[in-house]
Amino acid sequence: MLKIEEPTLSMNFMVNDSPFAGQA
């Protein structure tokens, strides 16, 4: 098997809920 390195960083991707959401 080919070894695939594990991730080192994570981020939360969220639905944009700002007052300007959906304008662009």
PDB file of all heavy atoms in Angstrom:
ATOM      1  N   MET A   1       0.821  -1.211   0.000  1.00  0.00           N
ATOM      2  CA  MET A   1       0.000   0.000   0.000  1.00  0.00           C
ATOM      3  C   MET A   1       0.858   1.265   0.000  1.00  0.00           C
ATOM      4  O   MET A   1       1.966   1.269   0.538  1.00  0.00           O
ATOM      5  CB  MET A   1      -0.920   0.025   1.222  1.00  0.00           C
ATOM      6  CG  MET A   1      -2.157  -0.826   1.052  1.00  0.00           C
ATOM      7  SD  MET A   1      -3.062  -0.466  -0.466  1.00  0.00           S
ATOM      8  CE  MET A   1      -3.473   1.252  -0.210  1.00  0.00           C
ATOM      9  N   LEU A   2       0.331   2.310  -0.608  1.00  0.00           N
ATOM     10  CA  LEU A   2       0.997   3.614  -0.606  1.00  0.00           C
ATOM     11  C   LEU A   2       0.596   4.367   0.656  1.00  0.00           C
ATOM     12  O   LEU A   2      -0.591   4.499   0.957  1.00  0.00           O
ATOM     13  CB  LEU A   2       0.578   4.418  -1.846  1.00  0.00           C
ATOM     14  CG  LEU A   2       0.927   3.783  -3.193  1.00  0.00           C
ATOM     15  CD1 LEU A   2       0.380   4.640  -4.320  1.00  0.00           C
ATOM     16  CD2 LEU A   2       2.428   3.610  -3.344  1.00  0.00           C
ATOM     17  N   LYS A   3       1.582   4.860   1.378  1.00  0.00           N
ATOM     18  CA  LYS A   3       1.301   5.604   2.606  1.00  0.00           C
ATOM     19  C   LYS A   3       0.954   7.043   2.261  1.00  0.00           C
ATOM     20  O   LYS A   3       1.650   7.685   1.476  1.00  0.00           O
ATOM     21  CB  LYS A   3       2.517   5.574   3.529  1.00  0.00           C
ATOM     22  CG  LYS A   3       2.273   6.253   4.865  1.00  0.00           C
ATOM     23  CD  LYS A   3       3.561   6.361   5.661  1.00  0.00           C
ATOM     24  CE  LYS A   3       3.340   7.173   6.921  1.00  0.00           C
ATOM     25  NZ  LYS A   3       4.605   7.493   7.603  1.00  0.00           N
ATOM     26  N   ILE A   4      -0.135   7.528   2.832  1.00  0.00           N
ATOM     27  CA  ILE A   4      -0.535   8.924   2.627  1.00  0.00           C
ATOM     28  C   ILE A   4      -0.411   9.647   3.960  1.00  0.00           C
ATOM     29  O   ILE A   4      -0.985   9.214   4.964  1.00  0.00           O
ATOM     30  CB  ILE A   4      -1.987   9.007   2.104  1.00  0.00           C
ATOM     31  CG1 ILE A   4      -2.090   8.305   0.747  1.00  0.00           C
ATOM     32  CG2 ILE A   4      -2.442  10.455   1.993  1.00  0.00           C
ATOM     33  CD1 ILE A   4      -3.494   8.139   0.242  1.00  0.00           C
ATOM     34  N   GLU A   5       0.389  10.707   3.982  1.00  0.00           N
ATOM     35  CA  GLU A   5       0.630  11.437   5.230  1.00  0.00           C
ATOM     36  C   GLU A   5      -0.667  12.002   5.791  1.00  0.00           C
ATOM     37  O   GLU A   5      -1.547  12.446   5.047  1.00  0.00           O
ATOM     38  CB  GLU A   5       1.628  12.577   4.987  1.00  0.00           C
ATOM     39  CG  GLU A   5       3.034  12.092   4.647  1.00  0.00           C
ATOM     40  CD  GLU A   5       3.769  11.531   5.845  1.00  0.00           C
ATOM     41  OE1 GLU A   5       3.350  11.808   6.982  1.00  0.00           O
ATOM     42  OE2 GLU A   5       4.763  10.800   5.646  1.00  0.00           O
ATOM     43  N   GLU A   6      -0.747  12.009   7.110  1.00  0.00           N
ATOM     44  CA  GLU A   6      -1.939  12.518   7.781  1.00  0.00           C
ATOM     45  C   GLU A   6      -1.969  14.046   7.753  1.00  0.00           C
ATOM     46  O   GLU A   6      -0.917  14.696   7.734  1.00  0.00           O
ATOM     47  CB  GLU A   6      -1.958  12.039   9.237  1.00  0.00           C
ATOM     48  CG  GLU A   6      -2.136  10.537   9.393  1.00  0.00           C
ATOM     49  CD  GLU A   6      -3.467  10.058   8.850  1.00  0.00           C
ATOM     50  OE1 GLU A   6      -4.498  10.663   9.190  1.00  0.00           O
ATOM     51  OE2 GLU A   6      -3.474   9.087   8.067  1.00  0.00           O
ATOM     52  N   PRO A   7      -3.167  14.646   7.785  1.00  0.00           N
ATOM     53  CA  PRO A   7      -3.267  16.110   7.862  1.00  0.00           C
ATOM     54  C   PRO A   7      -2.674  16.645   9.165  1.00  0.00           C
ATOM     55  O   PRO A   7      -2.626  15.932  10.179  1.00  0.00           O
ATOM     56  CB  PRO A   7      -4.784  16.359   7.818  1.00  0.00           C
ATOM     57  CG  PRO A   7      -5.374  15.124   7.243  1.00  0.00           C
ATOM     58  CD  PRO A   7      -4.488  14.005   7.665  1.00  0.00           C
ATOM     59  N   THR A   8      -2.239  17.895   9.138  1.00  0.00           N
ATOM     60  CA  THR A   8      -1.673  18.529  10.341  1.00  0.00           C
ATOM     61  C   THR A   8      -2.502  19.726  10.811  1.00  0.00           C
ATOM     62  O   THR A   8      -2.336  20.171  11.940  1.00  0.00           O
ATOM     63  CB  THR A   8      -0.232  19.019  10.070  1.00  0.00           C
ATOM     64  OG1 THR A   8      -0.242  19.929   8.969  1.00  0.00           O
ATOM     65  CG2 THR A   8       0.691  17.847   9.748  1.00  0.00           C
ATOM     66  N   LEU A   9      -3.352  20.271   9.945  1.00  0.00           N
ATOM     67  CA  LEU A   9      -4.143  21.452  10.292  1.00  0.00           C
ATOM     68  C   LEU A   9      -5.609  21.226   9.948  1.00  0.00           C
ATOM     69  O   LEU A   9      -5.930  20.537   8.982  1.00  0.00           O
ATOM     70  CB  LEU A   9      -3.669  22.683   9.497  1.00  0.00           C
ATOM     71  CG  LEU A   9      -2.505  23.516  10.010  1.00  0.00           C
ATOM     72  CD1 LEU A   9      -2.297  24.704   9.079  1.00  0.00           C
ATOM     73  CD2 LEU A   9      -2.738  24.010  11.416  1.00  0.00           C
ATOM     74  N   SER A  10      -6.498  21.818  10.738  1.00  0.00           N
ATOM     75  CA  SER A  10      -7.927  21.748  10.413  1.00  0.00           C
ATOM     76  C   SER A  10      -8.552  23.132  10.533  1.00  0.00           C
ATOM     77  O   SER A  10      -8.066  23.987  11.280  1.00  0.00           O
ATOM     78  CB  SER A  10      -8.649  20.761  11.337  1.00  0.00           C
ATOM     79  OG  SER A  10      -8.685  21.258  12.659  1.00  0.00           O
ATOM     80  N   MET A  11      -9.620  23.336   9.779  1.00  0.00           N
ATOM     81  CA  MET A  11     -10.395  24.571   9.830  1.00  0.00           C
ATOM     82  C   MET A  11     -11.866  24.211   9.734  1.00  0.00           C
ATOM     83  O   MET A  11     -12.218  23.191   9.148  1.00  0.00           O
ATOM     84  CB  MET A  11     -10.031  25.503   8.650  1.00  0.00           C
ATOM     85  CG  MET A  11      -8.619  26.016   8.666  1.00  0.00           C
ATOM     86  SD  MET A  11      -8.196  26.838   7.103  1.00  0.00           S
ATOM     87  CE  MET A  11      -9.249  28.255   7.149  1.00  0.00           C
ATOM     88  N   ASN A  12     -12.710  25.052  10.292  1.00  0.00           N
ATOM     89  CA  ASN A  12     -14.147  24.874  10.133  1.00  0.00           C
ATOM     90  C   ASN A  12     -14.632  25.675   8.926  1.00  0.00           C
ATOM     91  O   ASN A  12     -14.382  26.880   8.841  1.00  0.00           O
ATOM     92  CB  ASN A  12     -14.896  25.328  11.386  1.00  0.00           C
ATOM     93  CG  ASN A  12     -14.759  24.332  12.519  1.00  0.00           C
ATOM     94  OD1 ASN A  12     -14.532  23.146  12.289  1.00  0.00           O
ATOM     95  ND2 ASN A  12     -14.881  24.789  13.742  1.00  0.00           N
ATOM     96  N   PHE A  13     -15.282  25.005   7.979  1.00  0.00           N
ATOM     97  CA  PHE A  13     -15.920  25.660   6.839  1.00  0.00           C
ATOM     98  C   PHE A  13     -17.399  25.805   7.188  1.00  0.00           C
ATOM     99  O   PHE A  13     -18.064  24.805   7.468  1.00  0.00           O
ATOM    100  CB  PHE A  13     -15.789  24.807   5.571  1.00  0.00           C
ATOM    101  CG  PHE A  13     -14.418  24.807   4.936  1.00  0.00           C
ATOM    102  CD1 PHE A  13     -13.271  24.935   5.710  1.00  0.00           C
ATOM    103  CD2 PHE A  13     -14.275  24.657   3.564  1.00  0.00           C
ATOM    104  CE1 PHE A  13     -12.011  24.921   5.122  1.00  0.00           C
ATOM    105  CE2 PHE A  13     -13.024  24.636   2.970  1.00  0.00           C
ATOM    106  CZ  PHE A  13     -11.887  24.769   3.756  1.00  0.00           C
ATOM    107  N   MET A  14     -17.913  27.032   7.157  1.00  0.00           N
ATOM    108  CA  MET A  14     -19.279  27.287   7.603  1.00  0.00           C
ATOM    109  C   MET A  14     -20.091  28.013   6.541  1.00  0.00           C
ATOM    110  O   MET A  14     -19.541  28.721   5.702  1.00  0.00           O
ATOM    111  CB  MET A  14     -19.254  28.149   8.871  1.00  0.00           C
ATOM    112  CG  MET A  14     -18.653  27.471  10.076  1.00  0.00           C
ATOM    113  SD  MET A  14     -18.270  28.649  11.386  1.00  0.00           S
ATOM    114  CE  MET A  14     -16.564  28.971  11.048  1.00  0.00           C
ATOM    115  N   VAL A  15     -21.402  27.832   6.630  1.00  0.00           N
ATOM    116  CA  VAL A  15     -22.303  28.633   5.805  1.00  0.00           C
ATOM    117  C   VAL A  15     -22.153  30.091   6.217  1.00  0.00           C
ATOM    118  O   VAL A  15     -22.101  30.418   7.407  1.00  0.00           O
ATOM    119  CB  VAL A  15     -23.760  28.174   6.008  1.00  0.00           C
ATOM    120  CG1 VAL A  15     -24.726  29.128   5.315  1.00  0.00           C
ATOM    121  CG2 VAL A  15     -23.945  26.757   5.488  1.00  0.00           C
ATOM    122  N   ASN A  16     -22.020  30.980   5.251  1.00  0.00           N
ATOM    123  CA  ASN A  16     -21.882  32.410   5.550  1.00  0.00           C
ATOM    124  C   ASN A  16     -23.211  32.968   6.071  1.00  0.00           C
ATOM    125  O   ASN A  16     -24.222  32.923   5.371  1.00  0.00           O
ATOM    126  CB  ASN A  16     -21.456  33.150   4.274  1.00  0.00           C
ATOM    127  CG  ASN A  16     -21.239  34.629   4.514  1.00  0.00           C
ATOM    128  OD1 ASN A  16     -21.007  35.050   5.647  1.00  0.00           O
ATOM    129  ND2 ASN A  16     -21.300  35.417   3.453  1.00  0.00           N
ATOM    130  N   ASP A  17     -23.190  33.478   7.314  1.00  0.00           N
ATOM    131  CA  ASP A  17     -24.426  34.018   7.900  1.00  0.00           C
ATOM    132  C   ASP A  17     -24.305  35.502   8.235  1.00  0.00           C
ATOM    133  O   ASP A  17     -25.019  36.019   9.081  1.00  0.00           O
ATOM    134  CB  ASP A  17     -24.812  33.228   9.164  1.00  0.00           C
ATOM    135  CG  ASP A  17     -23.762  33.357  10.268  1.00  0.00           C
ATOM    136  OD1 ASP A  17     -22.697  33.969  10.017  1.00  0.00           O
ATOM    137  OD2 ASP A  17     -24.014  32.855  11.389  1.00  0.00           O
ATOM    138  N   SER A  18     -23.393  36.196   7.538  1.00  0.00           N
ATOM    139  CA  SER A  18     -23.227  37.623   7.805  1.00  0.00           C
ATOM    140  C   SER A  18     -24.393  38.411   7.204  1.00  0.00           C
ATOM    141  O   SER A  18     -25.144  37.888   6.371  1.00  0.00           O
ATOM    142  CB  SER A  18     -21.904  38.123   7.196  1.00  0.00           C
ATOM    143  OG  SER A  18     -22.081  38.478   5.831  1.00  0.00           O
ATOM    144  N   PRO A  19     -24.557  39.684   7.593  1.00  0.00           N
ATOM    145  CA  PRO A  19     -25.633  40.508   7.003  1.00  0.00           C
ATOM    146  C   PRO A  19     -25.541  40.651   5.492  1.00  0.00           C
ATOM    147  O   PRO A  19     -26.538  40.950   4.834  1.00  0.00           O
ATOM    148  CB  PRO A  19     -25.438  41.865   7.695  1.00  0.00           C
ATOM    149  CG  PRO A  19     -24.773  41.540   8.986  1.00  0.00           C
ATOM    150  CD  PRO A  19     -23.870  40.378   8.696  1.00  0.00           C
ATOM    151  N   PHE A  20     -24.355  40.428   4.906  1.00  0.00           N
ATOM    152  CA  PHE A  20     -24.190  40.557   3.460  1.00  0.00           C
ATOM    153  C   PHE A  20     -24.238  39.200   2.757  1.00  0.00           C
ATOM    154  O   PHE A  20     -23.906  39.097   1.579  1.00  0.00           O
ATOM    155  CB  PHE A  20     -22.860  41.236   3.134  1.00  0.00           C
ATOM    156  CG  PHE A  20     -22.770  42.675   3.581  1.00  0.00           C
ATOM    157  CD1 PHE A  20     -21.548  43.341   3.618  1.00  0.00           C
ATOM    158  CD2 PHE A  20     -23.910  43.370   3.980  1.00  0.00           C
ATOM    159  CE1 PHE A  20     -21.473  44.668   4.026  1.00  0.00           C
ATOM    160  CE2 PHE A  20     -23.838  44.693   4.385  1.00  0.00           C
ATOM    161  CZ  PHE A  20     -22.621  45.341   4.411  1.00  0.00           C
ATOM    162  N   ALA A  21     -24.639  38.145   3.468  1.00  0.00           N
ATOM    163  CA  ALA A  21     -24.655  36.799   2.887  1.00  0.00           C
ATOM    164  C   ALA A  21     -25.590  36.728   1.684  1.00  0.00           C
ATOM    165  O   ALA A  21     -26.671  37.314   1.679  1.00  0.00           O
ATOM    166  CB  ALA A  21     -25.100  35.792   3.941  1.00  0.00           C
ATOM    167  N   GLY A  22     -25.149  36.018   0.643  1.00  0.00           N
ATOM    168  CA  GLY A  22     -25.984  35.791  -0.529  1.00  0.00           C
ATOM    169  C   GLY A  22     -25.968  36.899  -1.554  1.00  0.00           C
ATOM    170  O   GLY A  22     -26.591  36.768  -2.608  1.00  0.00           O
ATOM    171  N   GLN A  23     -25.227  37.986  -1.307  1.00  0.00           N
ATOM    172  CA  GLN A  23     -25.229  39.102  -2.250  1.00  0.00           C
ATOM    173  C   GLN A  23     -24.341  38.861  -3.465  1.00  0.00           C
ATOM    174  O   GLN A  23     -24.583  39.413  -4.532  1.00  0.00           O
ATOM    175  CB  GLN A  23     -24.787  40.387  -1.529  1.00  0.00           C
ATOM    176  CG  GLN A  23     -25.773  40.875  -0.478  1.00  0.00           C
ATOM    177  CD  GLN A  23     -25.338  42.194   0.152  1.00  0.00           C
ATOM    178  OE1 GLN A  23     -24.320  42.791  -0.244  1.00  0.00           O
ATOM    179  NE2 GLN A  23     -26.098  42.674   1.136  1.00  0.00           N
ATOM    180  N   ALA A  24     -23.286  38.028  -3.284  1.00  0.00           N
ATOM    181  CA  ALA A  24     -22.330  37.863  -4.383  1.00  0.00           C
ATOM    182  C   ALA A  24     -22.208  36.427  -4.881  1.00  0.00           C
ATOM    183  O   ALA A  24     -21.840  36.199  -6.025  1.00  0.00           O
ATOM    184  CB  ALA A  24     -20.949  38.365  -3.946  1.00  0.00           C
TER     185      ALA A  24
END
